[in-house]
Each structure stands twice: as structure tokens, then as C-alpha cells.
C-alpha atoms as a PDB file:
ATOM      1  CA  MET A   1     -11.918   4.383 -23.343  1.00  0.00           C
ATOM      2  CA  ARG A   2      -8.112   3.819 -23.452  1.00  0.00           C
ATOM      3  CA  THR A   3      -6.999   4.292 -26.769  1.00  0.00           C
ATOM      4  CA  GLU A   4      -2.776   3.615 -27.541  1.00  0.00           C
ATOM      5  CA  ALA A   5      -2.145   7.460 -28.138  1.00  0.00           C
ATOM      6  CA  ASP A   6      -3.382   8.042 -25.069  1.00  0.00           C
ATOM      7  CA  ASN A   7      -0.649   5.378 -23.080  1.00  0.00           C
ATOM      8  CA  ARG A   8       2.064   6.898 -25.637  1.00  0.00           C
ATOM      9  CA  ARG A   9       0.483  10.493 -24.580  1.00  0.00           C
ATOM     10  CA  GLU A  10       1.058  10.045 -20.978  1.00  0.00           C
ATOM     11  CA  PHE A  11       4.344   7.963 -21.273  1.00  0.00           C
ATOM     12  CA  ARG A  12       5.974  10.855 -22.637  1.00  0.00           C
ATOM     13  CA  LEU A  13       5.452  13.795 -19.847  1.00  0.00           C
ATOM     14  CA  TYR A  14       6.641  10.769 -17.359  1.00  0.00           C
ATOM     15  CA  ARG A  15       9.350   9.940 -19.327  1.00  0.00           C
ATOM     16  CA  ALA A  16       9.856  14.024 -19.162  1.00  0.00           C
ATOM     17  CA  ALA A  17       9.203  14.423 -15.543  1.00  0.00           C
ATOM     18  CA  LEU A  18      11.841  11.357 -14.804  1.00  0.00           C
ATOM     19  CA  ALA A  19      14.619  13.097 -16.568  1.00  0.00           C
ATOM     20  CA  VAL A  20      14.054  16.068 -15.341  1.00  0.00           C
ATOM     21  CA  SER A  21      13.465  15.145 -11.621  1.00  0.00           C
ATOM     22  CA  ARG A  22      17.313  13.828 -11.305  1.00  0.00           C
ATOM     23  CA  TRP A  23      18.137  17.418 -11.528  1.00  0.00           C
ATOM     24  CA  LEU A  24      15.365  18.692  -8.576  1.00  0.00           C
ATOM     25  CA  PRO A  25      16.692  17.829  -4.608  1.00  0.00           C
ATOM     26  CA  PHE A  26      13.996  15.491  -3.139  1.00  0.00           C
ATOM     27  CA  ARG A  27      12.233  18.353  -1.742  1.00  0.00           C
ATOM     28  CA  LEU A  28      11.385  20.219  -3.954  1.00  0.00           C
ATOM     29  CA  LEU A  29       9.113  17.517  -5.702  1.00  0.00           C
ATOM     30  CA  GLN A  30       7.862  16.689  -2.707  1.00  0.00           C
ATOM     31  CA  ALA A  31       6.625  20.431  -2.416  1.00  0.00           C
ATOM     32  CA  ILE A  32       5.905  20.696  -6.377  1.00  0.00           C
ATOM     33  CA  GLY A  33       3.900  17.083  -5.737  1.00  0.00           C
ATOM     34  CA  GLY A  34       2.355  18.211  -2.567  1.00  0.00           C
ATOM     35  CA  ALA A  35       1.314  21.204  -4.035  1.00  0.00           C
ATOM     36  CA  LEU A  36      -0.316  19.924  -7.499  1.00  0.00           C
ATOM     37  CA  GLY A  37      -2.336  17.160  -5.360  1.00  0.00           C
ATOM     38  CA  VAL A  38      -4.127  19.385  -3.487  1.00  0.00           C
ATOM     39  CA  LEU A  39      -4.860  20.761  -6.851  1.00  0.00           C
ATOM     40  CA  TYR A  40      -5.770  18.383  -7.884  1.00  0.00           C
ATOM     41  CA  LEU A  41      -8.384  17.245  -4.540  1.00  0.00           C
ATOM     42  CA  LEU A  42     -10.253  20.520  -5.173  1.00  0.00           C
ATOM     43  CA  VAL A  43     -10.853  20.027  -8.634  1.00  0.00           C
ATOM     44  CA  SER A  44     -10.976  17.116  -9.006  1.00  0.00           C
ATOM     45  CA  SER A  45     -14.565  14.911  -8.854  1.00  0.00           C
ATOM     46  CA  ARG A  46     -12.458  12.783  -6.732  1.00  0.00           C
ATOM     47  CA  ARG A  47     -12.940  15.141  -3.963  1.00  0.00           C
ATOM     48  CA  ARG A  48     -16.263  13.788  -3.395  1.00  0.00           C
ATOM     49  CA  THR A  49     -15.097  10.412  -2.838  1.00  0.00           C
ATOM     50  CA  VAL A  50     -12.522  11.881   0.252  1.00  0.00           C
ATOM     51  CA  LEU A  51     -15.044  13.437   1.731  1.00  0.00           C
ATOM     52  CA  ALA A  52     -17.479  11.150   1.515  1.00  0.00           C
ATOM     53  CA  ASN A  53     -15.175   8.037   3.200  1.00  0.00           C
ATOM     54  CA  LEU A  54     -13.684  11.024   5.927  1.00  0.00           C
ATOM     55  CA  ARG A  55     -17.580  11.308   7.021  1.00  0.00           C
ATOM     56  CA  ARG A  56     -18.139   7.761   7.048  1.00  0.00           C
ATOM     57  CA  VAL A  57     -14.937   7.115   9.287  1.00  0.00           C
ATOM     58  CA  PHE A  58     -15.207  10.058  10.930  1.00  0.00           C
ATOM     59  CA  PRO A  59     -18.986  10.837  11.243  1.00  0.00           C
ATOM     60  CA  HIS A  60     -18.489  12.985  14.803  1.00  0.00           C
ATOM     61  CA  ARG A  61     -15.395  15.447  13.529  1.00  0.00           C
ATOM     62  CA  GLY A  62     -16.732  19.278  11.600  1.00  0.00           C
ATOM     63  CA  GLY A  63     -16.292  19.452   8.462  1.00  0.00           C
ATOM     64  CA  ALA A  64     -13.872  21.777   8.605  1.00  0.00           C
ATOM     65  CA  TRP A  65     -11.296  18.670  10.445  1.00  0.00           C
ATOM     66  CA  ARG A  66     -12.335  16.310   7.365  1.00  0.00           C
ATOM     67  CA  LEU A  67     -11.594  18.788   4.514  1.00  0.00           C
ATOM     68  CA  ALA A  68      -8.592  20.160   6.304  1.00  0.00           C
ATOM     69  CA  THR A  69      -7.993  16.423   6.528  1.00  0.00           C
ATOM     70  CA  ALA A  70      -8.162  15.947   2.973  1.00  0.00           C
ATOM     71  CA  VAL A  71      -6.165  18.677   2.063  1.00  0.00           C
ATOM     72  CA  ARG A  72      -3.189  16.816   3.621  1.00  0.00           C
ATOM     73  CA  CYS A  73      -3.646  13.987   1.686  1.00  0.00           C
ATOM     74  CA  GLY A  74      -4.293  15.303  -1.074  1.00  0.00           C
ATOM     75  CA  ALA A  75      -0.386  17.186  -0.250  1.00  0.00           C
ATOM     76  CA  HIS A  76       0.956  13.628   0.644  1.00  0.00           C
ATOM     77  CA  PHE A  77       0.404  11.298  -2.140  1.00  0.00           C
ATOM     78  CA  GLY A  78       0.944  14.668  -4.863  1.00  0.00           C
ATOM     79  CA  ALA A  79       4.501  13.966  -3.037  1.00  0.00           C
ATOM     80  CA  ILE A  80       4.963  10.644  -3.376  1.00  0.00           C
ATOM     81  CA  ALA A  81       4.090  10.312  -6.657  1.00  0.00           C
ATOM     82  CA  PHE A  82       6.663  13.018  -7.544  1.00  0.00           C
ATOM     83  CA  ASP A  83       9.156  12.301  -4.853  1.00  0.00           C
ATOM     84  CA  TYR A  84       9.307   8.211  -6.216  1.00  0.00           C
ATOM     85  CA  LEU A  85      10.284   9.470  -9.404  1.00  0.00           C
ATOM     86  CA  LYS A  86      13.943  10.386  -8.011  1.00  0.00           C
ATOM     87  CA  TRP A  87      13.086   6.982  -5.767  1.00  0.00           C
ATOM     88  CA  SER A  88      13.273   4.979  -8.386  1.00  0.00           C
ATOM     89  CA  GLN A  89      16.396   6.352  -9.658  1.00  0.00           C
ATOM     90  CA  ALA A  90      18.000   6.021  -6.377  1.00  0.00           C
ATOM     91  CA  THR A  91      21.158   4.292  -5.723  1.00  0.00           C
ATOM     92  CA  ALA A  92      20.973   1.756  -2.191  1.00  0.00           C
ATOM     93  CA  ALA A  93      23.176   4.273  -0.919  1.00  0.00           C
ATOM     94  CA  THR A  94      20.959   7.127  -0.921  1.00  0.00           C
ATOM     95  CA  LEU A  95      18.274   4.626   0.402  1.00  0.00           C
ATOM     96  CA  GLU A  96      20.357   3.607   3.196  1.00  0.00           C
ATOM     97  CA  ALA A  97      20.700   7.753   4.206  1.00  0.00           C
ATOM     98  CA  LYS A  98      16.982   8.974   3.077  1.00  0.00           C
ATOM     99  CA  VAL A  99      15.395   5.716   5.059  1.00  0.00           C
ATOM    100  CA  ARG A 100      15.121   5.080   8.668  1.00  0.00           C
ATOM    101  CA  VAL A 101      14.305   1.599   9.385  1.00  0.00           C
ATOM    102  CA  THR A 102      13.176   0.152  13.398  1.00  0.00           C
ATOM    103  CA  GLY A 103      12.066  -3.583  13.887  1.00  0.00           C
ATOM    104  CA  LEU A 104      14.272  -5.037  11.117  1.00  0.00           C
ATOM    105  CA  ASP A 105      15.059  -7.802  14.051  1.00  0.00           C
ATOM    106  CA  ASN A 106      11.163  -8.382  13.646  1.00  0.00           C
ATOM    107  CA  LEU A 107      11.432  -9.592  10.186  1.00  0.00           C
ATOM    108  CA  ARG A 108      14.779 -11.163  10.535  1.00  0.00           C
ATOM    109  CA  GLU A 109      12.740 -13.705  13.376  1.00  0.00           C
ATOM    110  CA  ALA A 110       9.914 -14.273  10.392  1.00  0.00           C
ATOM    111  CA  VAL A 111      12.249 -14.730   8.375  1.00  0.00           C
ATOM    112  CA  ALA A 112      14.724 -17.200  10.586  1.00  0.00           C
ATOM    113  CA  ARG A 113      11.086 -19.555  11.389  1.00  0.00           C
ATOM    114  CA  GLY A 114      12.147 -20.947   7.200  1.00  0.00           C
ATOM    115  CA  ARG A 115       8.201 -20.785   6.345  1.00  0.00           C
ATOM    116  CA  GLY A 116       8.711 -17.550   4.649  1.00  0.00           C
ATOM    117  CA  CYS A 117       6.957 -14.744   6.333  1.00  0.00           C
ATOM    118  CA  PHE A 118       4.434 -12.442   4.924  1.00  0.00           C
ATOM    119  CA  ILE A 119       5.565  -7.844   5.029  1.00  0.00           C
ATOM    120  CA  LEU A 120       1.424  -6.756   5.450  1.00  0.00           C
ATOM    121  CA  SER A 121       1.165  -3.032   4.803  1.00  0.00           C
ATOM    122  CA  ALA A 122      -1.402  -1.271   2.744  1.00  0.00           C
ATOM    123  CA  HIS A 123      -1.546   2.191   0.884  1.00  0.00           C
ATOM    124  CA  PHE A 124       0.025   4.068   3.814  1.00  0.00           C
ATOM    125  CA  GLY A 125       2.031   6.470   3.700  1.00  0.00           C
ATOM    126  CA  HIS A 126       5.683   5.401   1.619  1.00  0.00           C
ATOM    127  CA  TRP A 127       4.826   1.564   0.678  1.00  0.00           C
ATOM    128  CA  GLU A 128       7.270   1.580  -2.820  1.00  0.00           C
ATOM    129  CA  VAL A 129      10.339   3.003  -0.833  1.00  0.00           C
ATOM    130  CA  ALA A 130      10.029   0.808   2.188  1.00  0.00           C
ATOM    131  CA  ALA A 131      10.314  -2.354  -0.425  1.00  0.00           C
ATOM    132  CA  LEU A 132      13.060  -1.142  -2.579  1.00  0.00           C
ATOM    133  CA  TRP A 133      15.103  -0.103   0.570  1.00  0.00           C
ATOM    134  CA  LEU A 134      14.762  -3.777   2.296  1.00  0.00           C
ATOM    135  CA  ALA A 135      15.641  -5.352  -1.585  1.00  0.00           C
ATOM    136  CA  SER A 136      18.530  -3.000  -0.549  1.00  0.00           C
ATOM    137  CA  GLN A 137      20.182  -4.103   2.370  1.00  0.00           C
ATOM    138  CA  GLY A 138      19.267  -7.998   0.908  1.00  0.00           C
ATOM    139  CA  PHE A 139      15.416  -8.466   1.884  1.00  0.00           C
ATOM    140  CA  ARG A 140      14.347  -9.503  -1.172  1.00  0.00           C
ATOM    141  CA  GLN A 141      10.678  -9.919  -1.534  1.00  0.00           C
ATOM    142  CA  SER A 142       7.193 -10.982  -3.919  1.00  0.00           C
ATOM    143  CA  VAL A 143       5.282  -8.001  -4.268  1.00  0.00           C
ATOM    144  CA  VAL A 144       1.792  -8.578  -5.143  1.00  0.00           C
ATOM    145  CA  PHE A 145       0.724  -6.018  -7.532  1.00  0.00           C
ATOM    146  CA  ARG A 146      -2.619  -4.548  -9.663  1.00  0.00           C
ATOM    147  CA  PRO A 147      -0.830  -3.952 -13.071  1.00  0.00           C
ATOM    148  CA  LEU A 148      -1.900  -0.409 -14.184  1.00  0.00           C
ATOM    149  CA  GLU A 149      -3.651   0.778 -17.441  1.00  0.00           C
ATOM    150  CA  ASN A 150      -1.693   2.053 -19.565  1.00  0.00           C
ATOM    151  CA  PRO A 151       1.113  -0.831 -20.491  1.00  0.00           C
ATOM    152  CA  LEU A 152       3.970   1.382 -21.378  1.00  0.00           C
ATOM    153  CA  LEU A 153       4.380   2.762 -17.768  1.00  0.00           C
ATOM    154  CA  GLU A 154       3.891  -0.239 -15.668  1.00  0.00           C
ATOM    155  CA  ALA A 155       7.254  -1.770 -17.895  1.00  0.00           C
ATOM    156  CA  GLU A 156       8.730   0.754 -16.899  1.00  0.00           C
ATOM    157  CA  LEU A 157       7.452   1.305 -13.082  1.00  0.00           C
ATOM    158  CA  ALA A 158       8.194  -2.814 -12.843  1.00  0.00           C
ATOM    159  CA  ALA A 159      11.545  -1.941 -13.323  1.00  0.00           C
ATOM    160  CA  ALA A 160      11.952   0.334 -10.540  1.00  0.00           C
ATOM    161  CA  ARG A 161       9.876  -2.199  -8.505  1.00  0.00           C
ATOM    162  CA  THR A 162      12.859  -5.262  -8.737  1.00  0.00           C
ATOM    163  CA  ARG A 163      15.982  -3.013  -9.414  1.00  0.00           C
ATOM    164  CA  PHE A 164      16.855  -4.233  -6.483  1.00  0.00           C
ATOM    165  CA  GLY A 165      16.107  -7.994  -6.442  1.00  0.00           C
ATOM    166  CA  ASN A 166      12.046  -7.643  -5.708  1.00  0.00           C
ATOM    167  CA  VAL A 167       9.888 -10.234  -7.431  1.00  0.00           C
ATOM    168  CA  LEU A 168       6.504  -8.701  -9.390  1.00  0.00           C
ATOM    169  CA  ILE A 169       2.995 -11.211  -8.638  1.00  0.00           C
ATOM    170  CA  PRO A 170      -0.129 -10.371 -10.713  1.00  0.00           C
ATOM    171  CA  LYS A 171      -2.948 -10.316  -8.488  1.00  0.00           C
ATOM    172  CA  GLY A 172      -4.307 -12.608 -11.188  1.00  0.00           C
ATOM    173  CA  SER A 173      -2.083 -15.302 -10.281  1.00  0.00           C
ATOM    174  CA  ALA A 174      -1.521 -14.375  -7.092  1.00  0.00           C
ATOM    175  CA  THR A 175      -1.585 -18.002  -4.620  1.00  0.00           C
ATOM    176  CA  ARG A 176       0.485 -19.971  -7.183  1.00  0.00           C
ATOM    177  CA  GLY A 177       3.031 -17.713  -7.026  1.00  0.00           C
ATOM    178  CA  MET A 178       3.270 -16.551  -3.088  1.00  0.00           C
ATOM    179  CA  LEU A 179       3.514 -19.859  -2.464  1.00  0.00           C
ATOM    180  CA  ARG A 180       6.188 -20.460  -4.402  1.00  0.00           C
ATOM    181  CA  ALA A 181       7.866 -17.529  -2.938  1.00  0.00           C
ATOM    182  CA  LEU A 182       7.490 -18.955   0.432  1.00  0.00           C
ATOM    183  CA  ARG A 183       7.860 -22.836   0.300  1.00  0.00           C
ATOM    184  CA  ALA A 184      11.898 -20.991  -1.159  1.00  0.00           C
ATOM    185  CA  GLY A 185      11.221 -19.355   1.935  1.00  0.00           C
ATOM    186  CA  GLY A 186      10.883 -15.651   1.339  1.00  0.00           C
ATOM    187  CA  ILE A 187       8.890 -12.771   1.842  1.00  0.00           C
ATOM    188  CA  VAL A 188       5.401 -11.564   0.554  1.00  0.00           C
ATOM    189  CA  ASP A 189       4.306  -8.067   0.348  1.00  0.00           C
ATOM    190  CA  ILE A 190       0.561  -8.031   0.315  1.00  0.00           C
ATOM    191  CA  LEU A 191      -1.668  -4.874   0.868  1.00  0.00           C
ATOM    192  CA  LEU A 192      -4.671  -5.647   2.592  1.00  0.00           C
ATOM    193  CA  ASP A 193      -6.822  -2.812   1.917  1.00  0.00           C
ATOM    194  CA  GLN A 194      -8.110  -2.722  -1.556  1.00  0.00           C
ATOM    195  CA  LYS A 195     -11.810  -3.382  -2.628  1.00  0.00           C
ATOM    196  CA  ALA A 196     -11.958  -7.085  -2.476  1.00  0.00           C
ATOM    197  CA  ASP A 197     -14.169  -9.632  -5.136  1.00  0.00           C
ATOM    198  CA  LEU A 198     -17.323 -10.591  -2.847  1.00  0.00           C
ATOM    199  CA  GLU A 199     -16.259 -13.635  -3.981  1.00  0.00           C
ATOM    200  CA  HIS A 200     -12.499 -14.020  -2.305  1.00  0.00           C
ATOM    201  CA  SER A 201     -13.225 -12.101   0.702  1.00  0.00           C
ATOM    202  CA  VAL A 202     -15.042 -12.535   4.184  1.00  0.00           C
ATOM    203  CA  ILE A 203     -16.879  -8.935   5.974  1.00  0.00           C
ATOM    204  CA  VAL A 204     -14.965  -7.889   9.107  1.00  0.00           C
ATOM    205  CA  GLU A 205     -14.457  -4.845  10.037  1.00  0.00           C
ATOM    206  CA  PHE A 206     -11.935  -2.379   8.192  1.00  0.00           C
ATOM    207  CA  LEU A 207     -12.129   1.572   9.970  1.00  0.00           C
ATOM    208  CA  GLY A 208     -15.055   0.308  11.942  1.00  0.00           C
ATOM    209  CA  ILE A 209     -17.621  -0.807   8.944  1.00  0.00           C
ATOM    210  CA  PRO A 210     -18.448  -4.085   7.213  1.00  0.00           C
ATOM    211  CA  THR A 211     -15.694  -4.406   4.478  1.00  0.00           C
ATOM    212  CA  PRO A 212     -15.597  -7.389   2.295  1.00  0.00           C
ATOM    213  CA  THR A 213     -11.061  -7.803   2.677  1.00  0.00           C
ATOM    214  CA  ALA A 214      -9.515 -10.716   0.716  1.00  0.00           C
ATOM    215  CA  HIS A 215      -8.898 -13.766   3.055  1.00  0.00           C
ATOM    216  CA  SER A 216      -6.344 -15.228   0.566  1.00  0.00           C
ATOM    217  CA  LEU A 217      -3.245 -13.861   3.317  1.00  0.00           C
ATOM    218  CA  ALA A 218      -5.531 -15.418   6.092  1.00  0.00           C
ATOM    219  CA  LYS A 219      -5.697 -18.563   4.248  1.00  0.00           C
ATOM    220  CA  MET A 220      -2.450 -19.049   3.556  1.00  0.00           C
ATOM    221  CA  ALA A 221      -0.563 -17.857   6.878  1.00  0.00           C
ATOM    222  CA  GLN A 222      -3.174 -21.104   8.899  1.00  0.00           C
ATOM    223  CA  ALA A 223      -2.017 -23.476   5.657  1.00  0.00           C
ATOM    224  CA  THR A 224       2.200 -22.636   5.669  1.00  0.00           C
ATOM    225  CA  GLY A 225       2.253 -21.602   9.237  1.00  0.00           C
ATOM    226  CA  ALA A 226       3.736 -18.150   7.519  1.00  0.00           C
ATOM    227  CA  ALA A 227       5.039 -15.464  10.119  1.00  0.00           C
ATOM    228  CA  VAL A 228       3.279 -11.959   9.275  1.00  0.00           C
ATOM    229  CA  VAL A 229       5.230  -8.877   9.570  1.00  0.00           C
ATOM    230  CA  PRO A 230       3.403  -5.058   9.276  1.00  0.00           C
ATOM    231  CA  LEU A 231       5.254  -2.686   8.008  1.00  0.00           C
ATOM    232  CA  PHE A 232       4.829   1.347   8.068  1.00  0.00           C
ATOM    233  CA  THR A 233       5.713   4.294   6.418  1.00  0.00           C
ATOM    234  CA  PHE A 234       6.003   7.708   7.791  1.00  0.00           C
ATOM    235  CA  PRO A 235       7.388  11.354   5.932  1.00  0.00           C
ATOM    236  CA  ARG A 236      10.509  11.890   7.693  1.00  0.00           C
ATOM    237  CA  GLY A 237      11.451  15.396   6.235  1.00  0.00           C
ATOM    238  CA  SER A 238      12.599  14.499   2.817  1.00  0.00           C
ATOM    239  CA  GLY A 239      13.137  10.929   3.830  1.00  0.00           C
ATOM    240  CA  TYR A 240      11.064   8.098   4.983  1.00  0.00           C
ATOM    241  CA  ASP A 241      11.103   6.661   8.346  1.00  0.00           C
ATOM    242  CA  VAL A 242       9.674   2.762   8.034  1.00  0.00           C
ATOM    243  CA  ARG A 243       8.253   0.533  11.088  1.00  0.00           C
ATOM    244  CA  LEU A 244       8.526  -3.133  11.565  1.00  0.00           C
ATOM    245  CA  ASP A 245       5.814  -4.381  13.702  1.00  0.00           C
ATOM    246  CA  PRO A 246       6.866  -8.175  15.787  1.00  0.00           C
ATOM    247  CA  PRO A 247       4.824 -11.028  13.796  1.00  0.00           C
ATOM    248  CA  LEU A 248       2.123 -12.615  14.051  1.00  0.00           C
ATOM    249  CA  LEU A 249       0.883 -15.457  14.411  1.00  0.00           C
ATOM    250  CA  ALA A 250      -2.221 -17.602  13.185  1.00  0.00           C
ATOM    251  CA  ASP A 251      -3.660 -19.224  15.843  1.00  0.00           C
ATOM    252  CA  PRO A 252      -5.298 -23.171  14.814  1.00  0.00           C
ATOM    253  CA  ALA A 253      -8.228 -21.542  17.176  1.00  0.00           C
ATOM    254  CA  GLU A 254      -9.029 -19.007  14.831  1.00  0.00           C
ATOM    255  CA  ASP A 255     -11.393 -19.227  11.238  1.00  0.00           C
ATOM    256  CA  VAL A 256     -10.506 -17.482   9.113  1.00  0.00           C
ATOM    257  CA  GLY A 257     -12.686 -14.227   9.372  1.00  0.00           C
ATOM    258  CA  ALA A 258     -10.995 -13.532  12.876  1.00  0.00           C
ATOM    259  CA  LEU A 259      -7.785 -13.964  11.751  1.00  0.00           C
ATOM    260  CA  THR A 260      -8.560 -11.187   9.121  1.00  0.00           C
ATOM    261  CA  ARG A 261     -10.426  -9.267  11.287  1.00  0.00           C
ATOM    262  CA  ARG A 262      -6.753  -9.416  13.140  1.00  0.00           C
ATOM    263  CA  TYR A 263      -5.049  -7.782  10.574  1.00  0.00           C
ATOM    264  CA  ASN A 264      -7.637  -5.301   9.490  1.00  0.00           C
ATOM    265  CA  GLU A 265      -7.540  -4.708  13.029  1.00  0.00           C
ATOM    266  CA  ILE A 266      -3.737  -3.554  12.504  1.00  0.00           C
ATOM    267  CA  LEU A 267      -4.296  -1.511   9.801  1.00  0.00           C
ATOM    268  CA  SER A 268      -7.194   1.044  11.313  1.00  0.00           C
ATOM    269  CA  ARG A 269      -5.499   1.086  14.373  1.00  0.00           C
ATOM    270  CA  GLN A 270      -2.282   2.897  12.471  1.00  0.00           C
ATOM    271  CA  ILE A 271      -4.496   4.645   9.631  1.00  0.00           C
ATOM    272  CA  LEU A 272      -6.312   6.038  12.550  1.00  0.00           C
ATOM    273  CA  GLU A 273      -3.297   7.572  13.962  1.00  0.00           C
ATOM    274  CA  ARG A 274      -2.774   9.433  11.037  1.00  0.00           C
ATOM    275  CA  PRO A 275      -5.317   9.633   8.228  1.00  0.00           C
ATOM    276  CA  GLU A 276      -3.767  11.695   6.596  1.00  0.00           C
ATOM    277  CA  LEU A 277      -1.319   9.017   5.255  1.00  0.00           C
ATOM    278  CA  TRP A 278      -3.769   6.895   3.563  1.00  0.00           C
ATOM    279  CA  LEU A 279      -5.837   7.063   0.372  1.00  0.00           C
ATOM    280  CA  TRP A 280      -8.256   8.294   0.723  1.00  0.00           C
ATOM    281  CA  PHE A 281      -8.633   8.470  -2.691  1.00  0.00           C
ATOM    282  CA  HIS A 282     -10.068   4.727  -3.263  1.00  0.00           C
ATOM    283  CA  ASP A 283     -13.863   4.545  -3.533  1.00  0.00           C
ATOM    284  CA  ARG A 284     -13.732   1.456  -0.561  1.00  0.00           C
ATOM    285  CA  TRP A 285     -17.491   1.276   0.239  1.00  0.00           C
ATOM    286  CA  THR A 286     -20.128   2.853  -1.658  1.00  0.00           C
ATOM    287  CA  PRO A 287     -20.522   0.862  -4.415  1.00  0.00           C
ATOM    288  CA  ARG A 288     -20.778  -2.323  -2.846  1.00  0.00           C
ATOM    289  CA  ARG A 289     -22.244  -1.039   0.175  1.00  0.00           C
ATOM    290  CA  ARG A 290     -25.860  -2.558   0.012  1.00  0.00           C
ATOM    291  CA  ARG A 291     -24.777  -5.755  -1.066  1.00  0.00           C
ATOM    292  CA  ILE A 292     -21.935  -5.336   2.093  1.00  0.00           C
ATOM    293  CA  GLN A 293     -24.785  -4.571   4.758  1.00  0.00           C
ATOM    294  CA  ASP A 294     -26.697  -7.886   3.813  1.00  0.00           C
ATOM    295  CA  LEU A 295     -23.927 -10.161   3.785  1.00  0.00           C
ATOM    296  CA  ALA A 296     -22.611  -8.470   7.601  1.00  0.00           C
ATOM    297  CA  GLU A 297     -26.512  -9.054   8.983  1.00  0.00           C
ATOM    298  CA  GLN A 298     -26.301 -12.778   7.855  1.00  0.00           C
ATOM    299  CA  GLY A 299     -23.148 -13.968   9.058  1.00  0.00           C
END
């Protein structure tokens, strides 16, 4: 059970790392983080989750390929955890210099419709850097998030996320916050790849597996007419490339399940192309596997 002493200890370590990061270049931070990410993968029990997820999605690939992908995944997420120490303090000029964005006109088109819009993404690449860059360029977003267990670290992360004008919407009260943002013509960021409560989801394929997926995005896109713009981020040297795809509009003939399936297909296609950039550490399927299978067979 987490204690206040645990929270304070983690916070002191974070503040020390933050201070050191000011003096280190991005590449060195990423190299240190990458090495520690691989070490964490190898010694942590999460290794079993990562390899089980990869085996479930890639049953026909060999064990050596899955292990190599797991190692690259550990290195990637270690790198982005460490370089975010520096991104959280970076100026708009640094973001402009190190982040390259394509498809920005797609977002402009979606916003120009006047109904607000969603940015659809996943725990893929470096979604936090993309949100910072967009906000620094005047595309401020309302970001749906799940708070950290440590309130001291959560306050620090919230300050970093909002310093260019972004607004945070806690997942527990997301519907009201999203509607408010959309009615004002704003942009709402949603990561659709996290575990969803069965009561608030539909069973559709994600990475080829029937998976409970939150239906809130599809319902709100249908109700408001807001466009959905997929966004993906890719490492490039010590910086990142961000790609914004053409906006998606809800087809009036589609039901919520079909529309959610379409969103998942977009995410799945990109994850399958670059699997090392997705968060395989997330236990997306196993706890509810039997219940998922029962619901999929019913529906």
C-alpha cells in the first residue's frame, strides 16, 4: 500500500532528476533512459506482461523476434520517460526546432468546421511532446487523463502539461469536460488504447483481438458532429516527427460499435507497423479475458 513517505521519496528523486536534466543534452538523457528501460524490462515482473501481450498479438512470430521487440519497447519508453524531464521545461523555440509536424492542415480543417474536434491517439511514440508542440503553436487542447497515484508527482506533471495553455480533464468527469470544450470549438485529446470498463465499452477488435474499448469517443462524435483527427508520433534523432491524418467524420448509418471499430483499426494499423513504439507494458487483456470472450460471443 502506498504511503505518504513513499510519495515524498518519489518526489525527491523526481526533483533531483529534473535538476540534473537541465544540464544534460536530449541524446544523453534518452540514452540513459533507454538503458534503464531495458534493465527494467529484464528484471521486472512486467516482462511477463510484455511478452504475453506480444505473443497474443503476434502468435506466428518467433520468440527471438518478440524478445527483441520487447527490448526495443523497453528502450523506447525508458528514453521518453527521461527526455520528458527536459521536454517539460523546454521553450516553444526548442519544441519548434526539434519537433517536425506534417498534416497540420488536417487539424486546421477539423477545427474550421466549428464543432470542435477530437485528436485520437494511443500510448505510442511520444504523445506528450505532440500535445506540447500543438499548444505552443496555438492549438490548445483539453486532455483527458488518468491521475497518477502520487499527488505530488501529479501536480508536477499537470504543471508541465498545461504550461502552454492546455486544460486537463480527469477521466472520472470526462464527459462534461469534453462537451464544454467541444461547444467552445476546442480540441479534445483522447488516448483510446487503455483498458475500459465493460459497462462503458463495446467489444471490438484491437490489434486483432476482441477488446473492450471505451465507446465515449464514438458516442460524442455522433452526437456533436465533431471530426476526429488521428495523431501519431515517431522518434527522429533526439527529436520527434508528428503526423496528423485526415479528419474522420461519423457516418450517420454507423452504430457506436462500428465507429469504435474504425478508430481501433486506425490505431492497430500503426501499432502493427511500429510495434516497439506501443506500450506493451499495459495489461490490456488478461484480467478480463474470459468475460471478454463471453461478451464477444453474445454480440
